[in-house]
Amino acid sequence: MTRTAVVLVSLLFGVGASFGLAGAQSATGPQAVYYVYVCAESEDEVAIVRFGPDGLELAKTIPVGGLPAETEGPHGITVAPDGRHWYVSIAHGFPFGSVHKYETETDLWIGDVTLGMFPATIDVSAATGLLYAVNFDLHGPMAPSTVSVVDTDTMIEVERVATGIMPHGSRLSRDGLTHYSVTMMGDQVVELDGLSFEVSRTLSLPGPLREDAAADDHAGLRQHARGHAQPTWVTPTDRMLYVTGSAVDKIFEIDIDEWRVTRTFDTGPGPYNLDVSTDRSTLVVTYKKGAAVGFWDLGTGTERARVTTSRTIPHGVAVTPDGEYAFVTLEGVGSEPGTVEVYAMATGERLGAVDIGKQAGGIAYWKTVRP
């Protein structure tokens, strides 16, 4: 992504004040070693970050993209369910973006596929092995865009499904049969059947009511007078979806069976990304405008910890499958490096922070190595 585009996106999502980098805060690390892949969007790099008994450290950097004169912007990243390959979306190209496939143990490039304008978040189905990529389409007038479906064996796009305006923040259900995304400027959650490639349901989210329409009692007029909720991310459990409303400082809990909002959580400024522990007890949220990370108890619906991040613009979050740790990416601003932090899920304590390339964004858990 060009630095001009970075500034525009940062202004859209909000930029907080700068903080100094905090180092490790725990004298001892875990006995196991955890690995995550992280995109450095303004460096055209992917970093492997390792957390273990020796703390949090940068293990490796992998150059991505193929245009030396252009910052191509690695944006979304995911590891296949079998752990053998990782995939990264390259947001920029001439004129379209792409998704690239690599081996995990060697980080050798395997192949790529050209998709739509600004392919952003990606995920791979545990049931079919298909990859789903949202084409965010940051360029030009706001118009409905698409989700691409890719056969990962051949790296061929097999379907492209129209969804809404600026689709973003997508994840698959844990069985890999249903794909969920949000349309950031369409204020909708979109459910896509992972086998038929058809949109099965959409759900509109409420935005803020404009002051000049507050006294209007006509429901239809009131709805048209609402601004954007600006949903940026969705994450599923087996029964619920959790969606960030960045413009309204809320998280929406959606019952999948009933397909309605059942609870709304008031959050810190600009909730952006989120992930849920495997046991469905804890929700971790990055506050992009508030330079903080929140830890929510889903049983009570209360935020039990909120921690100021060591740099501004928190972006991605990945919770380890054992529910012990949450890794968070921080974009930083200007010439600052990007940063990866790790937190203890039980307490919200920050256990370490390490710098990587500029604009740390997309993050994906890879593996845990136990002694």
Protein backbone atom coordinates (compact mmCIF):
# COMPACT_ATOMS: atom_id res chain seq x y z
CA MET A 1 0.00 0.00 0.00
CA THR A 2 1.36 3.46 -0.79
CA ARG A 3 1.99 5.75 2.17
CA THR A 4 -0.69 8.12 0.79
CA ALA A 5 -3.22 5.30 0.87
CA VAL A 6 -2.07 4.40 4.38
CA VAL A 7 -2.77 7.94 5.53
CA LEU A 8 -6.24 7.88 3.96
CA VAL A 9 -7.11 4.57 5.59
CA SER A 10 -5.68 5.75 8.92
CA LEU A 11 -7.82 8.90 8.76
CA LEU A 12 -10.85 6.77 7.97
CA PHE A 13 -10.35 4.48 10.94
CA GLY A 14 -8.78 7.03 13.32
CA VAL A 15 -5.28 7.60 14.63
CA GLY A 16 -4.47 8.03 18.31
CA ALA A 17 -1.55 9.65 20.08
CA SER A 18 1.90 8.04 19.96
CA PHE A 19 3.27 5.95 22.84
CA GLY A 20 6.78 4.68 23.47
CA LEU A 21 7.54 0.99 22.88
CA ALA A 22 7.10 -1.23 25.92
CA GLY A 23 9.35 -4.25 26.32
CA ALA A 24 8.62 -7.58 27.95
CA GLN A 25 6.76 -7.36 31.24
CA SER A 26 7.03 -10.97 32.35
CA ALA A 27 10.22 -12.50 33.73
CA THR A 28 9.37 -15.99 32.44
CA GLY A 29 7.73 -17.04 29.21
CA PRO A 30 5.63 -20.10 28.42
CA GLN A 31 7.12 -23.59 28.25
CA ALA A 32 5.76 -24.10 24.73
CA VAL A 33 6.78 -22.01 21.70
CA TYR A 34 4.06 -20.23 19.69
CA TYR A 35 4.44 -18.99 16.11
CA VAL A 36 2.41 -16.41 14.17
CA TYR A 37 2.67 -14.92 10.67
CA VAL A 38 2.28 -11.14 10.44
CA CYS A 39 1.97 -8.76 7.46
CA ALA A 40 4.11 -5.61 7.35
CA GLU A 41 1.93 -3.80 4.83
CA SER A 42 4.20 -0.86 4.03
CA GLU A 43 7.35 -3.00 3.78
CA ASP A 44 6.04 -5.78 1.49
CA GLU A 45 7.17 -8.28 4.08
CA VAL A 46 5.69 -11.08 6.12
CA ALA A 47 7.25 -11.70 9.53
CA ILE A 48 7.34 -14.87 11.58
CA VAL A 49 7.12 -13.96 15.26
CA ARG A 50 7.96 -16.50 17.96
CA PHE A 51 6.93 -16.49 21.64
CA GLY A 52 8.43 -18.94 24.11
CA PRO A 53 10.59 -19.28 27.22
CA ASP A 54 12.99 -16.64 25.84
CA GLY A 55 10.20 -14.12 25.30
CA LEU A 56 8.77 -12.57 22.12
CA GLU A 57 11.12 -12.27 19.16
CA LEU A 58 11.23 -11.78 15.41
CA ALA A 59 12.25 -15.14 13.94
CA LYS A 60 12.24 -14.38 10.20
CA THR A 61 11.12 -11.93 7.51
CA ILE A 62 9.92 -13.03 4.07
CA PRO A 63 9.73 -10.55 1.16
CA VAL A 64 6.42 -10.77 -0.73
CA GLY A 65 5.08 -9.18 -3.91
CA GLY A 66 6.82 -8.84 -7.24
CA LEU A 67 6.95 -5.13 -8.14
CA PRO A 68 10.15 -3.54 -6.75
CA ALA A 69 9.04 0.02 -7.59
CA GLU A 70 5.61 -0.31 -5.94
CA THR A 71 4.55 -0.89 -2.36
CA GLU A 72 2.04 -3.67 -3.00
CA GLY A 73 0.61 -3.97 0.49
CA PRO A 74 0.34 -7.48 1.99
CA HIS A 75 -2.93 -7.13 3.87
CA GLY A 76 -4.61 -10.39 4.87
CA ILE A 77 -2.91 -13.62 5.91
CA THR A 78 -4.02 -17.11 6.90
CA VAL A 79 -2.58 -20.57 7.49
CA ALA A 80 -4.30 -23.62 6.00
CA PRO A 81 -6.06 -25.84 8.59
CA ASP A 82 -3.51 -28.62 8.02
CA GLY A 83 -0.66 -26.16 8.69
CA ARG A 84 1.24 -27.01 5.48
CA HIS A 85 0.74 -23.72 3.60
CA TRP A 86 0.16 -20.04 4.30
CA TYR A 87 -1.55 -17.50 2.08
CA VAL A 88 -1.25 -13.72 1.84
CA SER A 89 -3.37 -11.20 -0.03
CA ILE A 90 -1.46 -8.52 -1.95
CA ALA A 91 -3.77 -5.51 -2.06
CA HIS A 92 -2.26 -3.64 -5.01
CA GLY A 93 -1.42 -4.60 -8.57
CA PHE A 94 -1.98 -3.44 -12.15
CA PRO A 95 -4.86 -3.01 -11.77
CA PHE A 96 -5.95 -5.85 -9.50
CA GLY A 97 -4.60 -7.49 -6.36
CA SER A 98 -3.72 -11.13 -5.80
CA VAL A 99 -3.36 -13.97 -3.28
CA HIS A 100 -0.09 -15.90 -2.98
CA LYS A 101 0.57 -19.41 -1.62
CA TYR A 102 3.70 -20.46 0.34
CA GLU A 103 4.94 -23.54 2.20
CA THR A 104 5.06 -23.07 5.97
CA GLU A 105 8.27 -24.92 6.83
CA THR A 106 10.34 -23.50 3.97
CA ASP A 107 8.38 -20.30 3.14
CA LEU A 108 8.87 -21.13 -0.53
CA TRP A 109 6.47 -19.44 -2.96
CA ILE A 110 4.13 -21.97 -4.63
CA GLY A 111 1.79 -19.90 -6.79
CA ASP A 112 -0.65 -16.99 -6.99
CA VAL A 113 -4.00 -15.94 -8.41
CA THR A 114 -5.20 -12.50 -9.53
CA LEU A 115 -8.45 -11.43 -7.86
CA GLY A 116 -10.38 -8.14 -7.62
CA MET A 117 -9.61 -4.63 -6.45
CA PHE A 118 -7.83 -4.62 -3.08
CA PRO A 119 -8.24 -8.23 -1.87
CA ALA A 120 -8.19 -7.90 1.89
CA THR A 121 -9.03 -10.54 4.52
CA ILE A 122 -8.73 -14.23 3.63
CA ASP A 123 -9.57 -17.60 5.20
CA VAL A 124 -9.32 -21.26 4.17
CA SER A 125 -12.09 -23.79 4.76
CA ALA A 126 -11.36 -26.79 6.98
CA ALA A 127 -14.06 -28.73 5.09
CA THR A 128 -13.21 -28.04 1.43
CA GLY A 129 -9.76 -26.43 1.35
CA LEU A 130 -11.20 -23.51 -0.61
CA LEU A 131 -9.92 -20.01 0.11
CA TYR A 132 -12.29 -17.05 0.46
CA ALA A 133 -11.02 -13.50 -0.14
CA VAL A 134 -13.01 -10.29 0.15
CA ASN A 135 -12.32 -7.70 -2.56
CA PHE A 136 -12.46 -4.53 -0.46
CA ASP A 137 -12.25 -2.17 -3.47
CA LEU A 138 -10.82 0.92 -1.81
CA HIS A 139 -10.48 2.72 -5.14
CA GLY A 140 -12.96 4.90 -7.01
CA PRO A 141 -16.64 5.46 -6.17
CA MET A 142 -18.19 3.24 -3.51
CA ALA A 143 -20.02 0.44 -5.32
CA PRO A 144 -20.95 -3.14 -4.41
CA SER A 145 -17.96 -5.47 -4.49
CA THR A 146 -17.34 -9.20 -4.17
CA VAL A 147 -15.98 -12.26 -2.39
CA SER A 148 -13.66 -14.50 -4.42
CA VAL A 149 -13.52 -18.28 -3.96
CA VAL A 150 -10.17 -19.91 -4.86
CA ASP A 151 -9.22 -23.56 -5.37
CA THR A 152 -5.97 -23.71 -3.39
CA ASP A 153 -4.60 -26.79 -5.19
CA THR A 154 -4.62 -25.08 -8.60
CA MET A 155 -4.73 -21.44 -7.36
CA ILE A 156 -7.63 -20.75 -9.72
CA GLU A 157 -10.56 -18.49 -8.86
CA VAL A 158 -13.65 -20.68 -9.18
CA GLU A 159 -16.33 -18.14 -8.23
CA ARG A 160 -16.82 -14.46 -7.51
CA VAL A 161 -19.92 -13.53 -5.48
CA ALA A 162 -21.40 -10.02 -5.23
CA THR A 163 -21.98 -8.94 -1.62
CA GLY A 164 -21.95 -5.21 -0.75
CA ILE A 165 -20.00 -1.98 -0.47
CA MET A 166 -16.45 -2.44 0.87
CA PRO A 167 -16.61 -6.05 2.13
CA HIS A 168 -14.06 -6.62 4.87
CA GLY A 169 -13.34 -8.50 8.09
CA SER A 170 -14.26 -12.02 6.97
CA ARG A 171 -13.98 -15.40 8.67
CA LEU A 172 -15.31 -18.90 8.10
CA SER A 173 -17.37 -20.88 10.58
CA ARG A 174 -15.34 -23.43 12.49
CA ASP A 175 -16.69 -26.29 10.38
CA GLY A 176 -15.63 -24.40 7.24
CA LEU A 177 -19.08 -24.56 5.62
CA THR A 178 -20.22 -20.95 6.05
CA HIS A 179 -18.41 -17.72 5.26
CA TYR A 180 -19.19 -14.49 7.11
CA SER A 181 -18.12 -10.99 6.10
CA VAL A 182 -19.16 -7.41 6.77
CA THR A 183 -19.76 -4.61 4.27
CA MET A 184 -18.06 -1.66 5.88
CA MET A 185 -20.03 1.03 4.05
CA GLY A 186 -23.15 -1.07 3.57
CA ASP A 187 -23.59 -1.77 7.31
CA GLN A 188 -24.43 -5.42 6.73
CA VAL A 189 -23.31 -8.84 7.87
CA VAL A 190 -23.28 -11.23 4.92
CA GLU A 191 -23.62 -15.01 5.24
CA LEU A 192 -22.30 -17.01 2.28
CA ASP A 193 -22.95 -20.74 1.80
CA GLY A 194 -19.50 -22.29 1.47
CA LEU A 195 -20.70 -25.05 -0.86
CA SER A 196 -23.23 -23.37 -3.16
CA PHE A 197 -21.37 -20.01 -3.18
CA GLU A 198 -24.67 -18.18 -2.74
CA VAL A 199 -25.48 -15.41 -0.27
CA SER A 200 -27.90 -17.10 2.13
CA ARG A 201 -28.68 -14.19 4.48
CA THR A 202 -27.82 -10.56 5.18
CA LEU A 203 -28.39 -8.58 8.36
CA SER A 204 -28.39 -4.77 8.56
CA LEU A 205 -26.74 -3.15 11.58
CA PRO A 206 -28.03 0.07 13.16
CA GLY A 207 -25.94 3.18 12.75
CA PRO A 208 -26.09 6.43 14.76
CA LEU A 209 -29.20 8.56 14.32
CA ARG A 210 -28.44 12.05 13.04
CA GLU A 211 -29.38 14.86 15.41
CA ASP A 212 -31.63 16.53 12.85
CA ALA A 213 -33.73 13.35 12.64
CA ALA A 214 -33.92 12.55 16.36
CA ALA A 215 -37.50 13.84 16.71
CA ASP A 216 -38.82 12.00 13.65
CA ASP A 217 -41.16 9.23 14.76
CA HIS A 218 -41.56 7.58 11.37
CA ALA A 219 -39.49 4.37 11.51
CA GLY A 220 -38.69 4.33 7.81
CA LEU A 221 -37.52 7.93 7.76
CA ARG A 222 -35.49 7.39 10.91
CA GLN A 223 -33.68 4.47 9.33
CA HIS A 224 -32.78 6.53 6.25
CA ALA A 225 -31.54 9.29 8.54
CA ARG A 226 -29.02 7.02 10.22
CA GLY A 227 -25.30 7.22 9.59
CA HIS A 228 -22.97 4.28 9.12
CA ALA A 229 -22.24 1.75 11.86
CA GLN A 230 -19.10 0.94 9.82
CA PRO A 231 -18.66 -2.74 10.72
CA THR A 232 -15.04 -3.72 10.15
CA TRP A 233 -14.77 -7.32 11.34
CA VAL A 234 -16.78 -10.43 12.21
CA THR A 235 -15.78 -13.56 14.10
CA PRO A 236 -18.01 -16.62 14.67
CA THR A 237 -18.47 -19.20 17.39
CA ASP A 238 -20.71 -22.23 16.92
CA ARG A 239 -23.80 -20.20 17.95
CA MET A 240 -22.92 -16.52 17.78
CA LEU A 241 -21.30 -13.90 15.59
CA TYR A 242 -19.44 -10.93 17.06
CA VAL A 243 -19.19 -7.82 14.88
CA THR A 244 -17.35 -4.55 15.48
CA GLY A 245 -19.25 -1.31 14.83
CA SER A 246 -16.29 1.04 14.43
CA ALA A 247 -18.30 4.25 13.95
CA VAL A 248 -20.65 3.61 16.87
CA ASP A 249 -18.14 2.18 19.40
CA LYS A 250 -20.08 -1.04 19.82
CA ILE A 251 -19.83 -4.78 19.42
CA PHE A 252 -22.92 -6.56 18.15
CA GLU A 253 -23.61 -10.12 19.28
CA ILE A 254 -25.73 -11.95 16.69
CA ASP A 255 -27.54 -15.24 17.28
CA ILE A 256 -26.83 -17.31 14.15
CA ASP A 257 -30.01 -19.42 14.37
CA GLU A 258 -32.34 -16.50 15.09
CA TRP A 259 -30.32 -14.14 12.84
CA ARG A 260 -30.75 -11.10 15.04
CA VAL A 261 -28.73 -8.94 17.41
CA THR A 262 -29.14 -10.33 20.92
CA ARG A 263 -26.68 -8.15 22.86
CA THR A 264 -24.80 -4.91 22.20
CA PHE A 265 -21.59 -4.06 24.07
CA ASP A 266 -20.47 -0.44 24.47
CA THR A 267 -16.73 -0.39 23.87
CA GLY A 268 -13.72 1.86 23.68
CA PRO A 269 -13.24 4.16 20.67
CA GLY A 270 -13.11 2.53 17.25
CA PRO A 271 -13.36 -1.24 17.80
CA TYR A 272 -11.75 -2.76 14.73
CA ASN A 273 -10.71 -6.41 14.90
CA LEU A 274 -11.69 -9.23 17.26
CA ASP A 275 -11.16 -12.90 18.04
CA VAL A 276 -12.81 -15.35 20.42
CA SER A 277 -11.17 -18.03 22.55
CA THR A 278 -11.93 -21.61 21.51
CA ASP A 279 -13.97 -22.19 24.68
CA ARG A 280 -16.13 -19.14 23.79
CA SER A 281 -15.45 -17.48 27.15
CA THR A 282 -13.35 -14.46 26.13
CA LEU A 283 -13.53 -11.95 23.30
CA VAL A 284 -10.42 -9.88 22.50
CA VAL A 285 -10.95 -6.57 20.67
CA THR A 286 -8.52 -4.03 19.21
CA TYR A 287 -9.57 -0.37 19.55
CA LYS A 288 -8.02 1.35 16.56
CA LYS A 289 -8.97 4.89 17.59
CA GLY A 290 -8.38 4.27 21.28
CA ALA A 291 -4.90 2.68 21.11
CA ALA A 292 -6.00 -0.15 23.40
CA VAL A 293 -6.94 -3.82 23.58
CA GLY A 294 -10.06 -5.00 25.40
CA PHE A 295 -10.74 -8.38 27.02
CA TRP A 296 -14.44 -9.21 27.31
CA ASP A 297 -16.08 -11.86 29.48
CA LEU A 298 -18.79 -13.24 27.20
CA GLY A 299 -20.64 -14.87 30.09
CA THR A 300 -21.35 -11.55 31.78
CA GLY A 301 -20.98 -9.25 28.76
CA THR A 302 -18.47 -7.08 30.63
CA GLU A 303 -15.00 -5.87 29.75
CA ARG A 304 -12.71 -7.25 32.46
CA ALA A 305 -9.53 -5.55 31.20
CA ARG A 306 -8.54 -2.75 28.83
CA VAL A 307 -4.84 -2.18 28.18
CA THR A 308 -3.20 0.75 26.40
CA THR A 309 -1.02 -0.53 23.56
CA SER A 310 2.66 0.29 23.22
CA ARG A 311 2.13 2.04 19.86
CA THR A 312 -0.87 3.53 18.10
CA ILE A 313 -3.34 1.99 15.65
CA PRO A 314 -3.95 -1.53 16.98
CA HIS A 315 -5.01 -3.67 14.04
CA GLY A 316 -5.12 -7.48 14.09
CA VAL A 317 -5.60 -10.03 16.85
CA ALA A 318 -5.10 -13.80 16.98
CA VAL A 319 -5.94 -15.94 20.02
CA THR A 320 -3.97 -19.17 20.40
CA PRO A 321 -6.08 -22.35 20.17
CA ASP A 322 -5.31 -23.25 23.80
CA GLY A 323 -6.77 -19.90 24.90
CA GLU A 324 -3.61 -18.89 26.76
CA TYR A 325 -2.38 -15.92 24.71
CA ALA A 326 -3.53 -13.19 22.33
CA PHE A 327 -1.17 -11.71 19.72
CA VAL A 328 -1.95 -8.13 18.61
CA THR A 329 -0.50 -6.06 15.75
CA LEU A 330 0.11 -2.30 15.91
CA GLU A 331 0.51 -0.31 12.71
CA GLY A 332 2.30 2.74 14.14
CA VAL A 333 2.42 6.02 12.21
CA GLY A 334 4.87 7.71 9.86
CA SER A 335 8.35 6.20 10.03
CA GLU A 336 7.58 4.09 13.12
CA PRO A 337 8.01 0.35 12.75
CA GLY A 338 5.08 -1.96 13.18
CA THR A 339 4.84 -3.89 16.42
CA VAL A 340 3.55 -7.26 17.60
CA GLU A 341 2.45 -7.63 21.22
CA VAL A 342 1.47 -10.72 23.21
CA TYR A 343 -1.00 -10.75 26.11
CA ALA A 344 -2.00 -13.28 28.76
CA MET A 345 -5.67 -14.07 28.16
CA ALA A 346 -6.38 -14.76 31.83
CA THR A 347 -5.22 -11.37 33.10
CA GLY A 348 -4.82 -9.04 30.11
CA GLU A 349 -1.17 -8.50 31.09
CA ARG A 350 1.13 -7.59 28.21
CA LEU A 351 3.99 -10.11 28.22
CA GLY A 352 6.11 -8.69 25.45
CA ALA A 353 6.41 -6.52 22.35
CA VAL A 354 8.66 -6.74 19.31
CA ASP A 355 9.11 -4.46 16.29
CA ILE A 356 8.73 -5.68 12.70
CA GLY A 357 8.34 -3.82 9.38
CA LYS A 358 6.13 -0.77 8.93
CA GLN A 359 2.35 -1.00 9.32
CA ALA A 360 1.92 -4.37 11.03
CA GLY A 361 -1.58 -5.53 10.16
CA GLY A 362 -2.87 -8.95 9.20
CA ILE A 363 -1.93 -11.78 11.58
CA ALA A 364 -2.44 -15.54 11.59
CA TYR A 365 -1.63 -18.20 14.18
CA TRP A 366 0.62 -20.93 12.74
CA LYS A 367 1.63 -23.55 15.33
CA THR A 368 2.59 -24.41 18.90
CA VAL A 369 5.70 -26.50 19.57
CA ARG A 370 5.71 -28.23 22.95
CA PRO A 371 8.73 -29.82 24.66
